[in-house]
Amino acid sequence: MIVSKPIMKKSILLSGVQPSGVLHIGNYLGAISQWVLMQKTHHVFVMIADLHAITVPQEPAALHENTLRMAKLLIACGIVICPLSVRVAVLMPR
């Protein structure tokens, strides 16, 4: 006799972070550590909202560097990177 477990659908979490500065303990404790924990029970999608960071004057090269740095920091904090789980707004096809 084959017994199968019921398939549980995971809820979806979509959240974003602006690459407008340096990651600090408030970012980590307030959001990122929660996203890491929620990966066990949710499909977690994190966007790096770089276009939202240009509400104040930005040097394009610095914004690009901050965007890459934020992606690296999310990975270092434990966000699992798989296709479609992390997106950068400016790189999305229009």
PDB file of N, CA and C in Angstrom:
ATOM      1  N   MET A   1       0.840  -1.175   0.000  1.00  0.00           N
ATOM      2  CA  MET A   1       0.000   0.000   0.000  1.00  0.00           C
ATOM      3  C   MET A   1       0.889   1.244   0.000  1.00  0.00           C
ATOM      4  N   ILE A   2       0.620   2.132  -0.915  1.00  0.00           N
ATOM      5  CA  ILE A   2       1.390   3.370  -1.012  1.00  0.00           C
ATOM      6  C   ILE A   2       0.592   4.477  -0.352  1.00  0.00           C
ATOM      7  N   VAL A   3       1.244   5.144   0.580  1.00  0.00           N
ATOM      8  CA  VAL A   3       0.612   6.262   1.263  1.00  0.00           C
ATOM      9  C   VAL A   3       1.330   7.530   0.826  1.00  0.00           C
ATOM     10  N   SER A   4       0.573   8.446   0.320  1.00  0.00           N
ATOM     11  CA  SER A   4       1.194   9.710  -0.099  1.00  0.00           C
ATOM     12  C   SER A   4       0.786  10.816   0.864  1.00  0.00           C
ATOM     13  N   LYS A   5       1.713  11.724   1.040  1.00  0.00           N
ATOM     14  CA  LYS A   5       1.434  12.867   1.897  1.00  0.00           C
ATOM     15  C   LYS A   5       0.651  13.897   1.100  1.00  0.00           C
ATOM     16  N   PRO A   6      -0.261  14.588   1.745  1.00  0.00           N
ATOM     17  CA  PRO A   6      -0.976  15.652   1.031  1.00  0.00           C
ATOM     18  C   PRO A   6       0.013  16.753   0.633  1.00  0.00           C
ATOM     19  N   ILE A   7      -0.189  17.279  -0.542  1.00  0.00           N
ATOM     20  CA  ILE A   7       0.681  18.343  -1.022  1.00  0.00           C
ATOM     21  C   ILE A   7       0.227  19.658  -0.412  1.00  0.00           C
ATOM     22  N   MET A   8       1.153  20.293   0.287  1.00  0.00           N
ATOM     23  CA  MET A   8       0.837  21.582   0.893  1.00  0.00           C
ATOM     24  C   MET A   8       1.333  22.684  -0.030  1.00  0.00           C
ATOM     25  N   LYS A   9       0.478  23.613  -0.298  1.00  0.00           N
ATOM     26  CA  LYS A   9       0.888  24.770  -1.083  1.00  0.00           C
ATOM     27  C   LYS A   9       1.519  25.787  -0.151  1.00  0.00           C
ATOM     28  N   LYS A  10       2.653  26.296  -0.568  1.00  0.00           N
ATOM     29  CA  LYS A  10       3.315  27.325   0.216  1.00  0.00           C
ATOM     30  C   LYS A  10       2.729  28.684  -0.146  1.00  0.00           C
ATOM     31  N   SER A  11       2.631  29.533   0.849  1.00  0.00           N
ATOM     32  CA  SER A  11       2.243  30.915   0.602  1.00  0.00           C
ATOM     33  C   SER A  11       3.404  31.623  -0.077  1.00  0.00           C
ATOM     34  N   ILE A  12       3.113  32.745  -0.689  1.00  0.00           N
ATOM     35  CA  ILE A  12       4.125  33.512  -1.396  1.00  0.00           C
ATOM     36  C   ILE A  12       4.426  34.780  -0.615  1.00  0.00           C
ATOM     37  N   LEU A  13       5.713  35.063  -0.461  1.00  0.00           N
ATOM     38  CA  LEU A  13       6.156  36.311   0.141  1.00  0.00           C
ATOM     39  C   LEU A  13       6.911  37.088  -0.925  1.00  0.00           C
ATOM     40  N   LEU A  14       6.452  38.285  -1.237  1.00  0.00           N
ATOM     41  CA  LEU A  14       7.139  39.179  -2.159  1.00  0.00           C
ATOM     42  C   LEU A  14       7.511  40.422  -1.374  1.00  0.00           C
ATOM     43  N   SER A  15       8.795  40.717  -1.348  1.00  0.00           N
ATOM     44  CA  SER A  15       9.242  41.899  -0.639  1.00  0.00           C
ATOM     45  C   SER A  15      10.403  42.514  -1.401  1.00  0.00           C
ATOM     46  N   GLY A  16      10.755  43.716  -1.026  1.00  0.00           N
ATOM     47  CA  GLY A  16      11.825  44.394  -1.729  1.00  0.00           C
ATOM     48  C   GLY A  16      12.678  45.221  -0.801  1.00  0.00           C
ATOM     49  N   VAL A  17      13.851  45.541  -1.302  1.00  0.00           N
ATOM     50  CA  VAL A  17      14.794  46.351  -0.556  1.00  0.00           C
ATOM     51  C   VAL A  17      15.460  47.314  -1.535  1.00  0.00           C
ATOM     52  N   GLN A  18      15.650  48.544  -1.096  1.00  0.00           N
ATOM     53  CA  GLN A  18      16.320  49.534  -1.935  1.00  0.00           C
ATOM     54  C   GLN A  18      17.829  49.449  -1.722  1.00  0.00           C
ATOM     55  N   PRO A  19      18.593  49.541  -2.790  1.00  0.00           N
ATOM     56  CA  PRO A  19      20.052  49.511  -2.657  1.00  0.00           C
ATOM     57  C   PRO A  19      20.613  50.909  -2.450  1.00  0.00           C
ATOM     58  N   SER A  20      20.015  51.660  -1.541  1.00  0.00           N
ATOM     59  CA  SER A  20      20.369  53.070  -1.412  1.00  0.00           C
ATOM     60  C   SER A  20      21.444  53.337  -0.369  1.00  0.00           C
ATOM     61  N   GLY A  21      21.906  52.322   0.301  1.00  0.00           N
ATOM     62  CA  GLY A  21      22.927  52.532   1.320  1.00  0.00           C
ATOM     63  C   GLY A  21      23.515  51.212   1.774  1.00  0.00           C
ATOM     64  N   VAL A  22      24.167  51.258   2.880  1.00  0.00           N
ATOM     65  CA  VAL A  22      24.826  50.083   3.433  1.00  0.00           C
ATOM     66  C   VAL A  22      23.827  49.304   4.294  1.00  0.00           C
ATOM     67  N   LEU A  23      23.861  47.996   4.170  1.00  0.00           N
ATOM     68  CA  LEU A  23      23.015  47.139   5.002  1.00  0.00           C
ATOM     69  C   LEU A  23      23.398  47.336   6.471  1.00  0.00           C
ATOM     70  N   HIS A  24      22.407  47.483   7.333  1.00  0.00           N
ATOM     71  CA  HIS A  24      22.690  47.666   8.755  1.00  0.00           C
ATOM     72  C   HIS A  24      21.881  46.664   9.569  1.00  0.00           C
ATOM     73  N   ILE A  25      22.136  46.626  10.852  1.00  0.00           N
ATOM     74  CA  ILE A  25      21.520  45.629  11.728  1.00  0.00           C
ATOM     75  C   ILE A  25      19.997  45.736  11.710  1.00  0.00           C
ATOM     76  N   GLY A  26      19.466  46.934  11.523  1.00  0.00           N
ATOM     77  CA  GLY A  26      18.019  47.104  11.448  1.00  0.00           C
ATOM     78  C   GLY A  26      17.432  46.398  10.237  1.00  0.00           C
ATOM     79  N   ASN A  27      18.124  46.487   9.083  1.00  0.00           N
ATOM     80  CA  ASN A  27      17.678  45.760   7.889  1.00  0.00           C
ATOM     81  C   ASN A  27      17.676  44.264   8.155  1.00  0.00           C
ATOM     82  N   TYR A  28      18.764  43.812   8.794  1.00  0.00           N
ATOM     83  CA  TYR A  28      18.900  42.373   9.017  1.00  0.00           C
ATOM     84  C   TYR A  28      17.846  41.866   9.993  1.00  0.00           C
ATOM     85  N   LEU A  29      17.728  42.501  11.144  1.00  0.00           N
ATOM     86  CA  LEU A  29      16.779  42.029  12.159  1.00  0.00           C
ATOM     87  C   LEU A  29      15.338  42.274  11.750  1.00  0.00           C
ATOM     88  N   GLY A  30      15.075  43.392  11.094  1.00  0.00           N
ATOM     89  CA  GLY A  30      13.709  43.757  10.758  1.00  0.00           C
ATOM     90  C   GLY A  30      13.128  43.019   9.571  1.00  0.00           C
ATOM     91  N   ALA A  31      13.972  42.649   8.612  1.00  0.00           N
ATOM     92  CA  ALA A  31      13.426  42.050   7.396  1.00  0.00           C
ATOM     93  C   ALA A  31      14.202  40.820   6.939  1.00  0.00           C
ATOM     94  N   ILE A  32      15.476  40.982   6.683  1.00  0.00           N
ATOM     95  CA  ILE A  32      16.223  39.915   6.001  1.00  0.00           C
ATOM     96  C   ILE A  32      16.249  38.618   6.794  1.00  0.00           C
ATOM     97  N   SER A  33      16.481  38.681   8.088  1.00  0.00           N
ATOM     98  CA  SER A  33      16.502  37.435   8.870  1.00  0.00           C
ATOM     99  C   SER A  33      15.122  36.762   8.854  1.00  0.00           C
ATOM    100  N   GLN A  34      14.065  37.566   8.786  1.00  0.00           N
ATOM    101  CA  GLN A  34      12.715  37.009   8.697  1.00  0.00           C
ATOM    102  C   GLN A  34      12.491  36.323   7.357  1.00  0.00           C
ATOM    103  N   TRP A  35      13.001  36.933   6.274  1.00  0.00           N
ATOM    104  CA  TRP A  35      12.882  36.314   4.957  1.00  0.00           C
ATOM    105  C   TRP A  35      13.609  34.980   4.929  1.00  0.00           C
ATOM    106  N   VAL A  36      14.790  34.931   5.554  1.00  0.00           N
ATOM    107  CA  VAL A  36      15.569  33.692   5.582  1.00  0.00           C
ATOM    108  C   VAL A  36      14.765  32.598   6.283  1.00  0.00           C
ATOM    109  N   LEU A  37      14.191  32.905   7.427  1.00  0.00           N
ATOM    110  CA  LEU A  37      13.387  31.919   8.164  1.00  0.00           C
ATOM    111  C   LEU A  37      12.144  31.499   7.386  1.00  0.00           C
ATOM    112  N   MET A  38      11.520  32.448   6.713  1.00  0.00           N
ATOM    113  CA  MET A  38      10.270  32.166   6.008  1.00  0.00           C
ATOM    114  C   MET A  38      10.472  31.313   4.755  1.00  0.00           C
ATOM    115  N   GLN A  39      11.724  31.169   4.301  1.00  0.00           N
ATOM    116  CA  GLN A  39      11.977  30.334   3.127  1.00  0.00           C
ATOM    117  C   GLN A  39      11.557  28.883   3.355  1.00  0.00           C
ATOM    118  N   LYS A  40      11.467  28.477   4.620  1.00  0.00           N
ATOM    119  CA  LYS A  40      11.053  27.104   4.935  1.00  0.00           C
ATOM    120  C   LYS A  40       9.562  26.892   4.729  1.00  0.00           C
ATOM    121  N   THR A  41       8.786  27.966   4.873  1.00  0.00           N
ATOM    122  CA  THR A  41       7.335  27.830   4.816  1.00  0.00           C
ATOM    123  C   THR A  41       6.683  28.602   3.676  1.00  0.00           C
ATOM    124  N   HIS A  42       7.451  29.416   2.979  1.00  0.00           N
ATOM    125  CA  HIS A  42       6.923  30.274   1.918  1.00  0.00           C
ATOM    126  C   HIS A  42       7.825  30.207   0.684  1.00  0.00           C
ATOM    127  N   HIS A  43       7.248  30.535  -0.442  1.00  0.00           N
ATOM    128  CA  HIS A  43       8.045  30.832  -1.627  1.00  0.00           C
ATOM    129  C   HIS A  43       8.435  32.299  -1.468  1.00  0.00           C
ATOM    130  N   VAL A  44       9.716  32.560  -1.272  1.00  0.00           N
ATOM    131  CA  VAL A  44      10.179  33.920  -0.998  1.00  0.00           C
ATOM    132  C   VAL A  44      10.766  34.528  -2.263  1.00  0.00           C
ATOM    133  N   PHE A  45      10.249  35.686  -2.641  1.00  0.00           N
ATOM    134  CA  PHE A  45      10.745  36.443  -3.781  1.00  0.00           C
ATOM    135  C   PHE A  45      11.176  37.806  -3.261  1.00  0.00           C
ATOM    136  N   VAL A  46      12.419  38.146  -3.493  1.00  0.00           N
ATOM    137  CA  VAL A  46      12.963  39.419  -3.032  1.00  0.00           C
ATOM    138  C   VAL A  46      13.365  40.238  -4.245  1.00  0.00           C
ATOM    139  N   MET A  47      12.922  41.483  -4.288  1.00  0.00           N
ATOM    140  CA  MET A  47      13.344  42.338  -5.388  1.00  0.00           C
ATOM    141  C   MET A  47      14.258  43.426  -4.849  1.00  0.00           C
ATOM    142  N   ILE A  48      15.256  43.729  -5.627  1.00  0.00           N
ATOM    143  CA  ILE A  48      16.133  44.845  -5.313  1.00  0.00           C
ATOM    144  C   ILE A  48      15.576  46.017  -6.111  1.00  0.00           C
ATOM    145  N   ALA A  49      14.917  46.904  -5.411  1.00  0.00           N
ATOM    146  CA  ALA A  49      14.147  47.981  -6.049  1.00  0.00           C
ATOM    147  C   ALA A  49      15.052  49.161  -6.378  1.00  0.00           C
ATOM    148  N   ASP A  50      15.945  48.939  -7.327  1.00  0.00           N
ATOM    149  CA  ASP A  50      16.917  49.974  -7.652  1.00  0.00           C
ATOM    150  C   ASP A  50      16.279  51.203  -8.289  1.00  0.00           C
ATOM    151  N   LEU A  51      15.214  51.030  -9.031  1.00  0.00           N
ATOM    152  CA  LEU A  51      14.561  52.190  -9.631  1.00  0.00           C
ATOM    153  C   LEU A  51      13.914  53.079  -8.574  1.00  0.00           C
ATOM    154  N   HIS A  52      13.513  52.511  -7.440  1.00  0.00           N
ATOM    155  CA  HIS A  52      12.938  53.305  -6.355  1.00  0.00           C
ATOM    156  C   HIS A  52      14.006  54.110  -5.629  1.00  0.00           C
ATOM    157  N   ALA A  53      15.263  53.689  -5.764  1.00  0.00           N
ATOM    158  CA  ALA A  53      16.350  54.405  -5.108  1.00  0.00           C
ATOM    159  C   ALA A  53      16.676  55.711  -5.808  1.00  0.00           C
ATOM    160  N   ILE A  54      16.161  55.912  -7.013  1.00  0.00           N
ATOM    161  CA  ILE A  54      16.497  57.134  -7.735  1.00  0.00           C
ATOM    162  C   ILE A  54      15.504  58.265  -7.472  1.00  0.00           C
ATOM    163  N   THR A  55      14.796  58.177  -6.363  1.00  0.00           N
ATOM    164  CA  THR A  55      13.940  59.289  -5.968  1.00  0.00           C
ATOM    165  C   THR A  55      14.785  60.439  -5.437  1.00  0.00           C
ATOM    166  N   VAL A  56      16.049  60.166  -5.178  1.00  0.00           N
ATOM    167  CA  VAL A  56      17.039  61.188  -4.823  1.00  0.00           C
ATOM    168  C   VAL A  56      18.170  61.065  -5.840  1.00  0.00           C
ATOM    169  N   PRO A  57      18.930  62.132  -6.066  1.00  0.00           N
ATOM    170  CA  PRO A  57      20.010  62.055  -7.056  1.00  0.00           C
ATOM    171  C   PRO A  57      20.993  60.915  -6.755  1.00  0.00           C
ATOM    172  N   GLN A  58      21.328  60.166  -7.785  1.00  0.00           N
ATOM    173  CA  GLN A  58      22.244  59.029  -7.649  1.00  0.00           C
ATOM    174  C   GLN A  58      23.250  59.064  -8.801  1.00  0.00           C
ATOM    175  N   GLU A  59      24.458  58.695  -8.512  1.00  0.00           N
ATOM    176  CA  GLU A  59      25.442  58.465  -9.560  1.00  0.00           C
ATOM    177  C   GLU A  59      25.154  57.078 -10.125  1.00  0.00           C
ATOM    178  N   PRO A  60      24.958  56.952 -11.441  1.00  0.00           N
ATOM    179  CA  PRO A  60      24.621  55.644 -12.017  1.00  0.00           C
ATOM    180  C   PRO A  60      25.599  54.526 -11.641  1.00  0.00           C
ATOM    181  N   ALA A  61      26.885  54.809 -11.660  1.00  0.00           N
ATOM    182  CA  ALA A  61      27.873  53.770 -11.326  1.00  0.00           C
ATOM    183  C   ALA A  61      27.750  53.351  -9.857  1.00  0.00           C
ATOM    184  N   ALA A  62      27.511  54.310  -8.975  1.00  0.00           N
ATOM    185  CA  ALA A  62      27.365  53.996  -7.551  1.00  0.00           C
ATOM    186  C   ALA A  62      26.094  53.192  -7.306  1.00  0.00           C
ATOM    187  N   LEU A  63      25.009  53.547  -7.981  1.00  0.00           N
ATOM    188  CA  LEU A  63      23.759  52.800  -7.840  1.00  0.00           C
ATOM    189  C   LEU A  63      23.933  51.369  -8.317  1.00  0.00           C
ATOM    190  N   HIS A  64      24.622  51.203  -9.435  1.00  0.00           N
ATOM    191  CA  HIS A  64      24.886  49.859  -9.957  1.00  0.00           C
ATOM    192  C   HIS A  64      25.707  49.049  -8.948  1.00  0.00           C
ATOM    193  N   GLU A  65      26.740  49.662  -8.392  1.00  0.00           N
ATOM    194  CA  GLU A  65      27.588  48.982  -7.406  1.00  0.00           C
ATOM    195  C   GLU A  65      26.784  48.635  -6.150  1.00  0.00           C
ATOM    196  N   ASN A  66      25.946  49.559  -5.678  1.00  0.00           N
ATOM    197  CA  ASN A  66      25.117  49.288  -4.498  1.00  0.00           C
ATOM    198  C   ASN A  66      24.126  48.157  -4.757  1.00  0.00           C
ATOM    199  N   THR A  67      23.616  48.085  -5.987  1.00  0.00           N
ATOM    200  CA  THR A  67      22.679  47.019  -6.356  1.00  0.00           C
ATOM    201  C   THR A  67      23.368  45.662  -6.304  1.00  0.00           C
ATOM    202  N   LEU A  68      24.557  45.581  -6.874  1.00  0.00           N
ATOM    203  CA  LEU A  68      25.313  44.323  -6.829  1.00  0.00           C
ATOM    204  C   LEU A  68      25.698  43.963  -5.403  1.00  0.00           C
ATOM    205  N   ARG A  69      26.092  44.965  -4.623  1.00  0.00           N
ATOM    206  CA  ARG A  69      26.456  44.722  -3.225  1.00  0.00           C
ATOM    207  C   ARG A  69      25.264  44.185  -2.445  1.00  0.00           C
ATOM    208  N   MET A  70      24.077  44.744  -2.681  1.00  0.00           N
ATOM    209  CA  MET A  70      22.886  44.275  -1.976  1.00  0.00           C
ATOM    210  C   MET A  70      22.578  42.833  -2.333  1.00  0.00           C
ATOM    211  N   ALA A  71      22.713  42.472  -3.608  1.00  0.00           N
ATOM    212  CA  ALA A  71      22.476  41.086  -4.014  1.00  0.00           C
ATOM    213  C   ALA A  71      23.448  40.151  -3.292  1.00  0.00           C
ATOM    214  N   LYS A  72      24.707  40.534  -3.221  1.00  0.00           N
ATOM    215  CA  LYS A  72      25.706  39.714  -2.529  1.00  0.00           C
ATOM    216  C   LYS A  72      25.391  39.589  -1.048  1.00  0.00           C
ATOM    217  N   LEU A  73      24.956  40.692  -0.432  1.00  0.00           N
ATOM    218  CA  LEU A  73      24.630  40.657   0.988  1.00  0.00           C
ATOM    219  C   LEU A  73      23.413  39.778   1.272  1.00  0.00           C
ATOM    220  N   LEU A  74      22.418  39.808   0.392  1.00  0.00           N
ATOM    221  CA  LEU A  74      21.255  38.938   0.575  1.00  0.00           C
ATOM    222  C   LEU A  74      21.665  37.466   0.538  1.00  0.00           C
ATOM    223  N   ILE A  75      22.549  37.136  -0.390  1.00  0.00           N
ATOM    224  CA  ILE A  75      23.049  35.758  -0.472  1.00  0.00           C
ATOM    225  C   ILE A  75      23.822  35.410   0.799  1.00  0.00           C
ATOM    226  N   ALA A  76      24.699  36.317   1.236  1.00  0.00           N
ATOM    227  CA  ALA A  76      25.503  36.075   2.434  1.00  0.00           C
ATOM    228  C   ALA A  76      24.637  35.915   3.682  1.00  0.00           C
ATOM    229  N   CYS A  77      23.499  36.590   3.720  1.00  0.00           N
ATOM    230  CA  CYS A  77      22.590  36.493   4.873  1.00  0.00           C
ATOM    231  C   CYS A  77      21.758  35.217   4.863  1.00  0.00           C
ATOM    232  N   GLY A  78      21.743  34.506   3.723  1.00  0.00           N
ATOM    233  CA  GLY A  78      21.021  33.237   3.690  1.00  0.00           C
ATOM    234  C   GLY A  78      19.845  33.171   2.749  1.00  0.00           C
ATOM    235  N   ILE A  79      19.605  34.219   1.973  1.00  0.00           N
ATOM    236  CA  ILE A  79      18.538  34.148   0.974  1.00  0.00           C
ATOM    237  C   ILE A  79      18.977  33.166  -0.102  1.00  0.00           C
ATOM    238  N   VAL A  80      18.188  32.145  -0.318  1.00  0.00           N
ATOM    239  CA  VAL A  80      18.514  31.120  -1.302  1.00  0.00           C
ATOM    240  C   VAL A  80      18.224  31.672  -2.690  1.00  0.00           C
ATOM    241  N   ILE A  81      19.234  31.642  -3.517  1.00  0.00           N
ATOM    242  CA  ILE A  81      19.083  32.163  -4.876  1.00  0.00           C
ATOM    243  C   ILE A  81      18.755  31.007  -5.808  1.00  0.00           C
ATOM    244  N   CYS A  82      17.623  31.125  -6.440  1.00  0.00           N
ATOM    245  CA  CYS A  82      17.235  30.178  -7.472  1.00  0.00           C
ATOM    246  C   CYS A  82      16.568  30.999  -8.567  1.00  0.00           C
ATOM    247  N   PRO A  83      16.367  30.440  -9.731  1.00  0.00           N
ATOM    248  CA  PRO A  83      15.760  31.241 -10.793  1.00  0.00           C
ATOM    249  C   PRO A  83      14.466  31.911 -10.319  1.00  0.00           C
ATOM    250  N   LEU A  84      14.349  33.161 -10.595  1.00  0.00           N
ATOM    251  CA  LEU A  84      13.177  33.983 -10.304  1.00  0.00           C
ATOM    252  C   LEU A  84      13.007  34.387  -8.847  1.00  0.00           C
ATOM    253  N   SER A  85      13.929  34.033  -7.951  1.00  0.00           N
ATOM    254  CA  SER A  85      13.706  34.378  -6.549  1.00  0.00           C
ATOM    255  C   SER A  85      14.196  35.769  -6.192  1.00  0.00           C
ATOM    256  N   VAL A  86      15.186  36.282  -6.913  1.00  0.00           N
ATOM    257  CA  VAL A  86      15.678  37.643  -6.676  1.00  0.00           C
ATOM    258  C   VAL A  86      15.716  38.361  -8.008  1.00  0.00           C
ATOM    259  N   ARG A  87      15.145  39.554  -8.053  1.00  0.00           N
ATOM    260  CA  ARG A  87      15.088  40.320  -9.285  1.00  0.00           C
ATOM    261  C   ARG A  87      15.564  41.748  -9.025  1.00  0.00           C
ATOM    262  N   VAL A  88      16.206  42.297 -10.019  1.00  0.00           N
ATOM    263  CA  VAL A  88      16.622  43.696 -10.005  1.00  0.00           C
ATOM    264  C   VAL A  88      15.712  44.433 -10.979  1.00  0.00           C
ATOM    265  N   ALA A  89      15.042  45.474 -10.503  1.00  0.00           N
ATOM    266  CA  ALA A  89      14.011  46.134 -11.296  1.00  0.00           C
ATOM    267  C   ALA A  89      14.516  46.611 -12.649  1.00  0.00           C
ATOM    268  N   VAL A  90      15.673  47.239 -12.703  1.00  0.00           N
ATOM    269  CA  VAL A  90      16.152  47.799 -13.940  1.00  0.00           C
ATOM    270  C   VAL A  90      16.512  46.716 -14.981  1.00  0.00           C
ATOM    271  N   LEU A  91      16.756  45.499 -14.520  1.00  0.00           N
ATOM    272  CA  LEU A  91      17.117  44.416 -15.419  1.00  0.00           C
ATOM    273  C   LEU A  91      15.914  43.631 -15.938  1.00  0.00           C
ATOM    274  N   MET A  92      14.729  43.951 -15.433  1.00  0.00           N
ATOM    275  CA  MET A  92      13.518  43.239 -15.874  1.00  0.00           C
ATOM    276  C   MET A  92      13.150  43.668 -17.289  1.00  0.00           C
ATOM    277  N   PRO A  93      12.790  42.705 -18.143  1.00  0.00           N
ATOM    278  CA  PRO A  93      12.373  43.077 -19.499  1.00  0.00           C
ATOM    279  C   PRO A  93      11.099  43.932 -19.459  1.00  0.00           C
ATOM    280  N   ARG A  94      11.031  44.869 -20.327  1.00  0.00           N
ATOM    281  CA  ARG A  94       9.864  45.755 -20.377  1.00  0.00           C
ATOM    282  C   ARG A  94       8.907  45.279 -21.422  1.00  0.00           C
TER     283      ARG A  94
END
